[in-house]
Amino acid sequence: MTIHQVKEYVFTILEHESESPLGKTFERILFITIVVSILSTILETLPRLFVYNHVFWWIEVVYVSIFIVEYLARIWTADFRKQYEGTRGLIRFIFTPLMILDLLSIIPFFLYIFLPIHLLQTGMLRFFRLIRIIRIIQIGKYTQAFSRIVGLINRHKEDLVAIFFFIIAIVSFLSTLMYFLEHSAQPQKFSSIPASIWWGITTVSTIGYGDIVPITDFGKIVGGITAVFGVAIFALPTAVLGASFYAEIHSSERKRILELEKEIKRLEKILEWHEIPTDEKNPNHKNMFSDWWPW
């Protein structure tokens, strides 16, 4: 096997993981590695687990090694994509958003090694290490679903933007009204319209921290209306995206059915051309699929 064939095989595994047993194995290893890396990054912040820092260190060495191999393999096989051929194409590929995120998830490991401890902002480094969770979208079986969701949002972005500004307008109006109703009774709580907007956001989102609550009768009425409005308003974007997502899935399934129908017709023609009886009890019956195919 030549270097080019090895390179092509590696590219096939990286880009079409679910199409081969080795690709599925790679997919599982990468997914487990991402999950373990996230969990270890979170758990090592627990004070009672500080005694296991050496264990977390070796876990990080293992998964960072896997990430580095995968990152370099993607760079090595980048020229199999037409838009990234040549040196300039390779540079563009390295600076694509997903490759930058991959690099950001690897860099903190080397910063821990080469930089003095007093120069490290460990909180920021942990944040960069947590970025690797976004790498899940690169795994084959998640990429299609993620792209489908992004496509739905792009197709309905005008509707979603309109709904968003409608929510802002209603929250601003109700918060301003609440400010004039409650300011005299609670000048420290409802001290300004921005403070009232904070109350409006927590109420509309049905969180209700309880740090700011109305105490006047009219304030309670407006608060109740705002709470009911909050339950109803989030149904709008949910309905838009939910209906579109269902239509998208139904369309994809219909395409698969049509493809299967075409394949069945093609196979039936092949059987007819070769005059192959498909039913021993009824040799004239050539349609071997009509007994079970509903269409």
C-alpha atoms as a PDB file:
ATOM      1  CA  MET A   1       0.000   0.000   0.000  1.00  0.00           C
ATOM      2  CA  THR A   2       1.452   3.351  -1.079  1.00  0.00           C
ATOM      3  CA  ILE A   3       1.598   6.521   1.016  1.00  0.00           C
ATOM      4  CA  HIS A   4      -1.149   8.034  -1.106  1.00  0.00           C
ATOM      5  CA  GLN A   5      -3.415   5.040  -0.467  1.00  0.00           C
ATOM      6  CA  VAL A   6      -2.728   5.211   3.271  1.00  0.00           C
ATOM      7  CA  LYS A   7      -3.495   8.924   3.222  1.00  0.00           C
ATOM      8  CA  GLU A   8      -6.740   8.352   1.338  1.00  0.00           C
ATOM      9  CA  TYR A   9      -7.721   5.591   3.767  1.00  0.00           C
ATOM     10  CA  VAL A  10      -7.061   7.872   6.755  1.00  0.00           C
ATOM     11  CA  PHE A  11      -9.121  10.606   5.112  1.00  0.00           C
ATOM     12  CA  THR A  12     -11.992   8.155   4.587  1.00  0.00           C
ATOM     13  CA  ILE A  13     -11.910   7.201   8.269  1.00  0.00           C
ATOM     14  CA  LEU A  14     -11.820  10.829   9.418  1.00  0.00           C
ATOM     15  CA  GLU A  15     -14.597  12.056   7.160  1.00  0.00           C
ATOM     16  CA  HIS A  16     -16.842   8.996   6.779  1.00  0.00           C
ATOM     17  CA  GLU A  17     -16.521   7.286  10.148  1.00  0.00           C
ATOM     18  CA  SER A  18     -19.815   5.418  10.100  1.00  0.00           C
ATOM     19  CA  GLU A  19     -19.170   3.684   6.773  1.00  0.00           C
ATOM     20  CA  SER A  20     -16.650   1.098   7.960  1.00  0.00           C
ATOM     21  CA  PRO A  21     -15.975  -0.961  11.127  1.00  0.00           C
ATOM     22  CA  LEU A  22     -12.698   0.865  11.667  1.00  0.00           C
ATOM     23  CA  GLY A  23     -14.480   4.171  11.213  1.00  0.00           C
ATOM     24  CA  LYS A  24     -17.088   3.215  13.819  1.00  0.00           C
ATOM     25  CA  THR A  25     -14.302   2.222  16.208  1.00  0.00           C
ATOM     26  CA  PHE A  26     -12.597   5.568  15.637  1.00  0.00           C
ATOM     27  CA  GLU A  27     -15.915   7.339  16.234  1.00  0.00           C
ATOM     28  CA  ARG A  28     -16.452   5.539  19.552  1.00  0.00           C
ATOM     29  CA  ILE A  29     -12.883   6.176  20.721  1.00  0.00           C
ATOM     30  CA  LEU A  30     -13.119   9.861  19.852  1.00  0.00           C
ATOM     31  CA  PHE A  31     -16.490  10.258  21.553  1.00  0.00           C
ATOM     32  CA  ILE A  32     -15.316   8.469  24.725  1.00  0.00           C
ATOM     33  CA  THR A  33     -12.131  10.552  24.736  1.00  0.00           C
ATOM     34  CA  ILE A  34     -14.108  13.799  24.525  1.00  0.00           C
ATOM     35  CA  VAL A  35     -16.463  12.746  27.340  1.00  0.00           C
ATOM     36  CA  VAL A  36     -13.605  11.592  29.589  1.00  0.00           C
ATOM     37  CA  SER A  37     -11.670  14.807  28.957  1.00  0.00           C
ATOM     38  CA  ILE A  38     -14.682  16.936  29.918  1.00  0.00           C
ATOM     39  CA  LEU A  39     -15.381  14.912  33.055  1.00  0.00           C
ATOM     40  CA  SER A  40     -11.756  14.970  34.189  1.00  0.00           C
ATOM     41  CA  THR A  41     -11.540  18.729  33.626  1.00  0.00           C
ATOM     42  CA  ILE A  42     -14.641  19.211  35.788  1.00  0.00           C
ATOM     43  CA  LEU A  43     -13.811  16.686  38.511  1.00  0.00           C
ATOM     44  CA  GLU A  44     -10.246  17.907  39.070  1.00  0.00           C
ATOM     45  CA  THR A  45     -11.686  21.165  40.456  1.00  0.00           C
ATOM     46  CA  LEU A  46     -13.215  19.314  43.442  1.00  0.00           C
ATOM     47  CA  PRO A  47     -11.084  20.017  46.557  1.00  0.00           C
ATOM     48  CA  ARG A  48     -11.432  16.450  47.871  1.00  0.00           C
ATOM     49  CA  LEU A  49      -9.983  15.102  44.601  1.00  0.00           C
ATOM     50  CA  PHE A  50      -6.822  17.230  44.668  1.00  0.00           C
ATOM     51  CA  VAL A  51      -4.907  14.202  45.962  1.00  0.00           C
ATOM     52  CA  TYR A  52      -5.553  12.534  42.586  1.00  0.00           C
ATOM     53  CA  ASN A  53      -3.979  15.293  40.527  1.00  0.00           C
ATOM     54  CA  HIS A  54      -1.367  12.880  39.183  1.00  0.00           C
ATOM     55  CA  VAL A  55      -4.155  10.598  37.905  1.00  0.00           C
ATOM     56  CA  PHE A  56      -5.877  13.501  36.148  1.00  0.00           C
ATOM     57  CA  TRP A  57      -2.525  14.489  34.659  1.00  0.00           C
ATOM     58  CA  TRP A  58      -1.965  11.099  33.035  1.00  0.00           C
ATOM     59  CA  ILE A  59      -5.557  11.021  31.822  1.00  0.00           C
ATOM     60  CA  GLU A  60      -4.915  14.372  30.172  1.00  0.00           C
ATOM     61  CA  VAL A  61      -1.697  13.088  28.598  1.00  0.00           C
ATOM     62  CA  VAL A  62      -3.623  10.209  27.006  1.00  0.00           C
ATOM     63  CA  TYR A  63      -6.536  12.184  25.582  1.00  0.00           C
ATOM     64  CA  VAL A  64      -4.398  15.125  24.441  1.00  0.00           C
ATOM     65  CA  SER A  65      -2.192  12.623  22.582  1.00  0.00           C
ATOM     66  CA  ILE A  66      -5.285  11.278  20.814  1.00  0.00           C
ATOM     67  CA  PHE A  67      -6.423  14.811  19.950  1.00  0.00           C
ATOM     68  CA  ILE A  68      -2.989  15.703  18.600  1.00  0.00           C
ATOM     69  CA  VAL A  69      -2.882  12.611  16.368  1.00  0.00           C
ATOM     70  CA  GLU A  70      -6.362  13.381  15.043  1.00  0.00           C
ATOM     71  CA  TYR A  71      -5.518  17.066  14.520  1.00  0.00           C
ATOM     72  CA  LEU A  72      -2.338  16.265  12.576  1.00  0.00           C
ATOM     73  CA  ALA A  73      -4.145  13.577  10.564  1.00  0.00           C
ATOM     74  CA  ARG A  74      -6.787  16.102   9.482  1.00  0.00           C
ATOM     75  CA  ILE A  75      -4.068  18.537   8.399  1.00  0.00           C
ATOM     76  CA  TRP A  76      -2.243  15.737   6.543  1.00  0.00           C
ATOM     77  CA  THR A  77      -5.365  14.762   4.595  1.00  0.00           C
ATOM     78  CA  ALA A  78      -6.682  18.311   4.031  1.00  0.00           C
ATOM     79  CA  ASP A  79      -5.701  18.337   0.335  1.00  0.00           C
ATOM     80  CA  PHE A  80      -8.296  15.650  -0.423  1.00  0.00           C
ATOM     81  CA  ARG A  81     -10.832  18.462  -0.198  1.00  0.00           C
ATOM     82  CA  LYS A  82     -10.746  20.471  -3.407  1.00  0.00           C
ATOM     83  CA  GLN A  83     -11.197  23.807  -1.662  1.00  0.00           C
ATOM     84  CA  TYR A  84      -8.097  23.170   0.496  1.00  0.00           C
ATOM     85  CA  GLU A  85      -5.619  21.963  -2.124  1.00  0.00           C
ATOM     86  CA  GLY A  86      -2.132  23.453  -2.158  1.00  0.00           C
ATOM     87  CA  THR A  87      -0.267  25.452   0.464  1.00  0.00           C
ATOM     88  CA  ARG A  88      -2.778  28.306   0.582  1.00  0.00           C
ATOM     89  CA  GLY A  89      -5.635  25.856   0.854  1.00  0.00           C
ATOM     90  CA  LEU A  90      -3.890  24.135   3.750  1.00  0.00           C
ATOM     91  CA  ILE A  91      -3.466  27.469   5.544  1.00  0.00           C
ATOM     92  CA  ARG A  92      -7.173  28.238   5.037  1.00  0.00           C
ATOM     93  CA  PHE A  93      -8.051  24.799   6.400  1.00  0.00           C
ATOM     94  CA  ILE A  94      -5.918  25.309   9.525  1.00  0.00           C
ATOM     95  CA  PHE A  95      -7.749  28.567  10.233  1.00  0.00           C
ATOM     96  CA  THR A  96     -11.253  27.157   9.814  1.00  0.00           C
ATOM     97  CA  PRO A  97     -13.373  27.538  12.999  1.00  0.00           C
ATOM     98  CA  LEU A  98     -13.379  23.833  13.918  1.00  0.00           C
ATOM     99  CA  MET A  99      -9.620  23.472  13.454  1.00  0.00           C
ATOM    100  CA  ILE A 100      -9.041  26.580  15.597  1.00  0.00           C
ATOM    101  CA  LEU A 101     -11.232  25.057  18.312  1.00  0.00           C
ATOM    102  CA  ASP A 102      -9.232  21.831  18.063  1.00  0.00           C
ATOM    103  CA  LEU A 103      -6.015  23.792  18.515  1.00  0.00           C
ATOM    104  CA  LEU A 104      -7.409  25.758  21.466  1.00  0.00           C
ATOM    105  CA  SER A 105      -8.309  22.492  23.209  1.00  0.00           C
ATOM    106  CA  ILE A 106      -4.707  21.242  22.816  1.00  0.00           C
ATOM    107  CA  ILE A 107      -2.679  24.378  23.571  1.00  0.00           C
ATOM    108  CA  PRO A 108      -3.447  24.542  27.354  1.00  0.00           C
ATOM    109  CA  PHE A 109      -1.682  21.211  27.854  1.00  0.00           C
ATOM    110  CA  PHE A 110       1.587  22.630  26.513  1.00  0.00           C
ATOM    111  CA  LEU A 111       1.116  25.898  28.415  1.00  0.00           C
ATOM    112  CA  TYR A 112       0.976  23.878  31.629  1.00  0.00           C
ATOM    113  CA  ILE A 113       4.266  22.240  30.684  1.00  0.00           C
ATOM    114  CA  PHE A 114       6.344  25.164  29.426  1.00  0.00           C
ATOM    115  CA  LEU A 115       5.045  28.243  31.261  1.00  0.00           C
ATOM    116  CA  PRO A 116       5.769  29.069  34.924  1.00  0.00           C
ATOM    117  CA  ILE A 117       2.840  28.485  37.259  1.00  0.00           C
ATOM    118  CA  HIS A 118       2.578  32.142  38.292  1.00  0.00           C
ATOM    119  CA  LEU A 119       2.019  33.134  34.624  1.00  0.00           C
ATOM    120  CA  LEU A 120      -0.867  30.745  34.117  1.00  0.00           C
ATOM    121  CA  GLN A 121      -4.480  31.774  34.513  1.00  0.00           C
ATOM    122  CA  THR A 122      -5.781  28.338  35.363  1.00  0.00           C
ATOM    123  CA  GLY A 123      -9.443  29.384  35.062  1.00  0.00           C
ATOM    124  CA  MET A 124      -8.941  30.526  31.468  1.00  0.00           C
ATOM    125  CA  LEU A 125      -6.982  27.382  30.638  1.00  0.00           C
ATOM    126  CA  ARG A 126      -9.793  25.171  31.950  1.00  0.00           C
ATOM    127  CA  PHE A 127     -12.217  27.139  29.813  1.00  0.00           C
ATOM    128  CA  PHE A 128     -10.105  26.445  26.714  1.00  0.00           C
ATOM    129  CA  ARG A 129      -9.967  22.775  27.645  1.00  0.00           C
ATOM    130  CA  LEU A 130     -13.755  22.656  27.951  1.00  0.00           C
ATOM    131  CA  ILE A 131     -14.013  23.964  24.378  1.00  0.00           C
ATOM    132  CA  ARG A 132     -13.239  20.441  23.190  1.00  0.00           C
ATOM    133  CA  ILE A 133     -16.851  19.473  23.869  1.00  0.00           C
ATOM    134  CA  ILE A 134     -17.704  21.293  20.623  1.00  0.00           C
ATOM    135  CA  ARG A 135     -15.569  18.700  18.817  1.00  0.00           C
ATOM    136  CA  ILE A 136     -18.483  16.275  19.169  1.00  0.00           C
ATOM    137  CA  ILE A 137     -20.051  17.863  16.092  1.00  0.00           C
ATOM    138  CA  GLN A 138     -17.100  16.574  14.030  1.00  0.00           C
ATOM    139  CA  ILE A 139     -18.068  12.970  14.725  1.00  0.00           C
ATOM    140  CA  GLY A 140     -19.802  11.563  11.682  1.00  0.00           C
ATOM    141  CA  LYS A 141     -23.182  10.629  13.077  1.00  0.00           C
ATOM    142  CA  TYR A 142     -23.604  14.020  14.816  1.00  0.00           C
ATOM    143  CA  THR A 143     -22.491  16.233  11.921  1.00  0.00           C
ATOM    144  CA  GLN A 144     -25.600  15.661   9.804  1.00  0.00           C
ATOM    145  CA  ALA A 145     -27.978  16.380  12.687  1.00  0.00           C
ATOM    146  CA  PHE A 146     -26.042  19.498  13.684  1.00  0.00           C
ATOM    147  CA  SER A 147     -26.018  20.763  10.085  1.00  0.00           C
ATOM    148  CA  ARG A 148     -29.746  20.117   9.843  1.00  0.00           C
ATOM    149  CA  ILE A 149     -30.449  22.210  12.952  1.00  0.00           C
ATOM    150  CA  VAL A 150     -28.202  25.050  11.724  1.00  0.00           C
ATOM    151  CA  GLY A 151     -29.942  24.933   8.347  1.00  0.00           C
ATOM    152  CA  LEU A 152     -33.360  25.178   9.981  1.00  0.00           C
ATOM    153  CA  ILE A 153     -32.273  28.198  12.021  1.00  0.00           C
ATOM    154  CA  ASN A 154     -30.872  29.899   8.917  1.00  0.00           C
ATOM    155  CA  ARG A 155     -34.052  29.271   6.931  1.00  0.00           C
ATOM    156  CA  HIS A 156     -36.232  30.730   9.689  1.00  0.00           C
ATOM    157  CA  LYS A 157     -33.856  33.400  10.948  1.00  0.00           C
ATOM    158  CA  GLU A 158     -36.204  36.233   9.932  1.00  0.00           C
ATOM    159  CA  ASP A 159     -39.094  34.693  11.879  1.00  0.00           C
ATOM    160  CA  LEU A 160     -36.872  34.010  14.878  1.00  0.00           C
ATOM    161  CA  VAL A 161     -35.444  37.538  14.838  1.00  0.00           C
ATOM    162  CA  ALA A 162     -38.984  38.965  14.693  1.00  0.00           C
ATOM    163  CA  ILE A 163     -40.049  36.804  17.640  1.00  0.00           C
ATOM    164  CA  PHE A 164     -36.931  37.826  19.566  1.00  0.00           C
ATOM    165  CA  PHE A 165     -37.599  41.548  19.113  1.00  0.00           C
ATOM    166  CA  PHE A 166     -41.257  40.990  19.972  1.00  0.00           C
ATOM    167  CA  ILE A 167     -40.181  39.410  23.267  1.00  0.00           C
ATOM    168  CA  ILE A 168     -37.785  42.304  23.953  1.00  0.00           C
ATOM    169  CA  ALA A 169     -40.530  44.852  23.277  1.00  0.00           C
ATOM    170  CA  ILE A 170     -43.056  43.127  25.554  1.00  0.00           C
ATOM    171  CA  VAL A 171     -40.517  42.611  28.358  1.00  0.00           C
ATOM    172  CA  SER A 172     -39.401  46.248  28.130  1.00  0.00           C
ATOM    173  CA  PHE A 173     -42.988  47.510  28.236  1.00  0.00           C
ATOM    174  CA  LEU A 174     -44.045  45.342  31.192  1.00  0.00           C
ATOM    175  CA  SER A 175     -40.810  46.094  33.077  1.00  0.00           C
ATOM    176  CA  THR A 176     -41.256  49.834  32.588  1.00  0.00           C
ATOM    177  CA  LEU A 177     -44.856  49.572  33.760  1.00  0.00           C
ATOM    178  CA  MET A 178     -43.725  47.596  36.803  1.00  0.00           C
ATOM    179  CA  TYR A 179     -41.111  50.257  37.586  1.00  0.00           C
ATOM    180  CA  PHE A 180     -43.761  53.000  37.807  1.00  0.00           C
ATOM    181  CA  LEU A 181     -46.042  50.744  39.870  1.00  0.00           C
ATOM    182  CA  GLU A 182     -43.423  49.507  42.368  1.00  0.00           C
ATOM    183  CA  HIS A 183     -40.756  52.213  42.567  1.00  0.00           C
ATOM    184  CA  SER A 184     -42.531  54.238  45.226  1.00  0.00           C
ATOM    185  CA  ALA A 185     -43.204  51.140  47.350  1.00  0.00           C
ATOM    186  CA  GLN A 186     -39.763  49.531  46.839  1.00  0.00           C
ATOM    187  CA  PRO A 187     -37.259  52.213  45.807  1.00  0.00           C
ATOM    188  CA  GLN A 188     -34.303  49.913  46.556  1.00  0.00           C
ATOM    189  CA  LYS A 189     -35.627  46.900  44.658  1.00  0.00           C
ATOM    190  CA  PHE A 190     -37.139  48.656  41.642  1.00  0.00           C
ATOM    191  CA  SER A 191     -34.553  51.417  41.666  1.00  0.00           C
ATOM    192  CA  SER A 192     -34.483  51.924  37.909  1.00  0.00           C
ATOM    193  CA  ILE A 193     -35.949  50.616  34.668  1.00  0.00           C
ATOM    194  CA  PRO A 194     -32.893  48.359  34.020  1.00  0.00           C
ATOM    195  CA  ALA A 195     -33.452  46.798  37.463  1.00  0.00           C
ATOM    196  CA  SER A 196     -37.085  46.254  36.508  1.00  0.00           C
ATOM    197  CA  ILE A 197     -35.975  44.699  33.209  1.00  0.00           C
ATOM    198  CA  TRP A 198     -33.932  42.184  35.230  1.00  0.00           C
ATOM    199  CA  TRP A 199     -37.147  41.297  37.057  1.00  0.00           C
ATOM    200  CA  GLY A 200     -38.955  41.046  33.702  1.00  0.00           C
ATOM    201  CA  ILE A 201     -36.342  38.687  32.240  1.00  0.00           C
ATOM    202  CA  THR A 202     -36.388  36.334  35.230  1.00  0.00           C
ATOM    203  CA  THR A 203     -40.187  36.359  35.271  1.00  0.00           C
ATOM    204  CA  VAL A 204     -40.721  35.822  31.536  1.00  0.00           C
ATOM    205  CA  SER A 205     -38.155  33.010  31.510  1.00  0.00           C
ATOM    206  CA  THR A 206     -40.100  31.451  34.458  1.00  0.00           C
ATOM    207  CA  ILE A 207     -36.944  31.367  36.599  1.00  0.00           C
ATOM    208  CA  GLY A 208     -38.150  33.756  39.283  1.00  0.00           C
ATOM    209  CA  TYR A 209     -35.141  34.057  41.603  1.00  0.00           C
ATOM    210  CA  GLY A 210     -37.235  35.890  44.177  1.00  0.00           C
ATOM    211  CA  ASP A 211     -34.725  38.679  44.720  1.00  0.00           C
ATOM    212  CA  ILE A 212     -37.203  41.223  43.271  1.00  0.00           C
ATOM    213  CA  VAL A 213     -40.959  40.695  43.676  1.00  0.00           C
ATOM    214  CA  PRO A 214     -43.933  43.091  43.442  1.00  0.00           C
ATOM    215  CA  ILE A 215     -45.821  43.894  46.636  1.00  0.00           C
ATOM    216  CA  THR A 216     -48.523  46.306  45.425  1.00  0.00           C
ATOM    217  CA  ASP A 217     -51.854  45.017  44.142  1.00  0.00           C
ATOM    218  CA  PHE A 218     -51.434  46.393  40.623  1.00  0.00           C
ATOM    219  CA  GLY A 219     -47.830  45.194  40.613  1.00  0.00           C
ATOM    220  CA  LYS A 220     -48.938  41.663  41.427  1.00  0.00           C
ATOM    221  CA  ILE A 221     -51.508  41.781  38.619  1.00  0.00           C
ATOM    222  CA  VAL A 222     -48.860  42.891  36.118  1.00  0.00           C
ATOM    223  CA  GLY A 223     -46.483  40.259  37.535  1.00  0.00           C
ATOM    224  CA  GLY A 224     -49.078  37.536  36.996  1.00  0.00           C
ATOM    225  CA  ILE A 225     -49.701  38.676  33.422  1.00  0.00           C
ATOM    226  CA  THR A 226     -45.955  38.692  32.784  1.00  0.00           C
ATOM    227  CA  ALA A 227     -45.552  35.167  34.167  1.00  0.00           C
ATOM    228  CA  VAL A 228     -48.407  33.799  32.013  1.00  0.00           C
ATOM    229  CA  PHE A 229     -46.997  35.643  29.015  1.00  0.00           C
ATOM    230  CA  GLY A 230     -43.603  34.055  29.674  1.00  0.00           C
ATOM    231  CA  VAL A 231     -45.058  30.551  29.475  1.00  0.00           C
ATOM    232  CA  ALA A 232     -46.841  31.364  26.200  1.00  0.00           C
ATOM    233  CA  ILE A 233     -44.131  33.361  24.442  1.00  0.00           C
ATOM    234  CA  PHE A 234     -41.547  30.570  24.319  1.00  0.00           C
ATOM    235  CA  ALA A 235     -44.060  28.394  22.482  1.00  0.00           C
ATOM    236  CA  LEU A 236     -43.628  30.599  19.382  1.00  0.00           C
ATOM    237  CA  PRO A 237     -40.013  29.740  18.448  1.00  0.00           C
ATOM    238  CA  THR A 238     -40.572  26.174  19.656  1.00  0.00           C
ATOM    239  CA  ALA A 239     -43.526  25.802  17.299  1.00  0.00           C
ATOM    240  CA  VAL A 240     -41.626  27.301  14.344  1.00  0.00           C
ATOM    241  CA  LEU A 241     -38.536  25.137  14.788  1.00  0.00           C
ATOM    242  CA  GLY A 242     -40.490  22.037  15.851  1.00  0.00           C
ATOM    243  CA  ALA A 243     -42.754  22.053  12.798  1.00  0.00           C
ATOM    244  CA  SER A 244     -39.820  22.696  10.473  1.00  0.00           C
ATOM    245  CA  PHE A 245     -37.727  19.968  12.079  1.00  0.00           C
ATOM    246  CA  TYR A 246     -40.571  17.482  11.705  1.00  0.00           C
ATOM    247  CA  ALA A 247     -41.035  18.469   8.046  1.00  0.00           C
ATOM    248  CA  GLU A 248     -37.300  18.092   7.444  1.00  0.00           C
ATOM    249  CA  ILE A 249     -37.191  14.612   8.973  1.00  0.00           C
ATOM    250  CA  HIS A 250     -40.327  13.573   7.064  1.00  0.00           C
ATOM    251  CA  SER A 251     -38.786  14.848   3.826  1.00  0.00           C
ATOM    252  CA  SER A 252     -35.567  12.906   4.465  1.00  0.00           C
ATOM    253  CA  GLU A 253     -37.487   9.718   5.190  1.00  0.00           C
ATOM    254  CA  ARG A 254     -39.566  10.201   2.041  1.00  0.00           C
ATOM    255  CA  LYS A 255     -36.401  10.565  -0.028  1.00  0.00           C
ATOM    256  CA  ARG A 256     -35.103   7.295   1.406  1.00  0.00           C
ATOM    257  CA  ILE A 257     -38.368   5.563   0.532  1.00  0.00           C
ATOM    258  CA  LEU A 258     -38.197   6.873  -3.040  1.00  0.00           C
ATOM    259  CA  GLU A 259     -34.617   5.669  -3.340  1.00  0.00           C
ATOM    260  CA  LEU A 260     -35.654   2.221  -2.110  1.00  0.00           C
ATOM    261  CA  GLU A 261     -38.520   2.138  -4.593  1.00  0.00           C
ATOM    262  CA  LYS A 262     -36.162   2.973  -7.447  1.00  0.00           C
ATOM    263  CA  GLU A 263     -33.724   0.285  -6.340  1.00  0.00           C
ATOM    264  CA  ILE A 264     -36.506  -2.298  -6.137  1.00  0.00           C
ATOM    265  CA  LYS A 265     -37.724  -1.429  -9.633  1.00  0.00           C
ATOM    266  CA  ARG A 266     -34.162  -1.711 -10.914  1.00  0.00           C
ATOM    267  CA  LEU A 267     -33.783  -5.161  -9.345  1.00  0.00           C
ATOM    268  CA  GLU A 268     -37.143  -6.264 -10.748  1.00  0.00           C
ATOM    269  CA  LYS A 269     -36.045  -5.267 -14.232  1.00  0.00           C
ATOM    270  CA  ILE A 270     -32.822  -7.220 -13.817  1.00  0.00           C
ATOM    271  CA  LEU A 271     -34.808 -10.300 -12.790  1.00  0.00           C
ATOM    272  CA  GLU A 272     -37.143  -9.895 -15.767  1.00  0.00           C
ATOM    273  CA  TRP A 273     -34.256  -9.502 -18.196  1.00  0.00           C
ATOM    274  CA  HIS A 274     -32.654 -12.688 -16.930  1.00  0.00           C
ATOM    275  CA  GLU A 275     -36.029 -14.453 -16.771  1.00  0.00           C
ATOM    276  CA  ILE A 276     -35.371 -15.661 -13.243  1.00  0.00           C
ATOM    277  CA  PRO A 277     -38.495 -17.071 -11.545  1.00  0.00           C
ATOM    278  CA  THR A 278     -38.767 -15.672  -8.054  1.00  0.00           C
ATOM    279  CA  ASP A 279     -41.494 -17.964  -6.749  1.00  0.00           C
ATOM    280  CA  GLU A 280     -41.070 -21.726  -7.070  1.00  0.00           C
ATOM    281  CA  LYS A 281     -44.805 -22.376  -6.601  1.00  0.00           C
ATOM    282  CA  ASN A 282     -45.729 -19.734  -9.172  1.00  0.00           C
ATOM    283  CA  PRO A 283     -42.932 -19.422 -11.784  1.00  0.00           C
ATOM    284  CA  ASN A 284     -44.823 -16.726 -13.662  1.00  0.00           C
ATOM    285  CA  HIS A 285     -44.675 -14.511 -10.601  1.00  0.00           C
ATOM    286  CA  LYS A 286     -41.577 -12.355 -11.214  1.00  0.00           C
ATOM    287  CA  ASN A 287     -42.235  -9.589  -8.669  1.00  0.00           C
ATOM    288  CA  MET A 288     -40.374 -10.861  -5.643  1.00  0.00           C
ATOM    289  CA  PHE A 289     -40.960  -7.636  -3.688  1.00  0.00           C
ATOM    290  CA  SER A 290     -44.702  -7.106  -4.146  1.00  0.00           C
ATOM    291  CA  ASP A 291     -45.574  -9.476  -1.302  1.00  0.00           C
ATOM    292  CA  TRP A 292     -43.960  -7.265   1.320  1.00  0.00           C
ATOM    293  CA  TRP A 293     -43.454  -3.817  -0.216  1.00  0.00           C
ATOM    294  CA  PRO A 294     -46.561  -1.721   0.595  1.00  0.00           C
ATOM    295  CA  TRP A 295     -46.269   0.532  -2.449  1.00  0.00           C
END
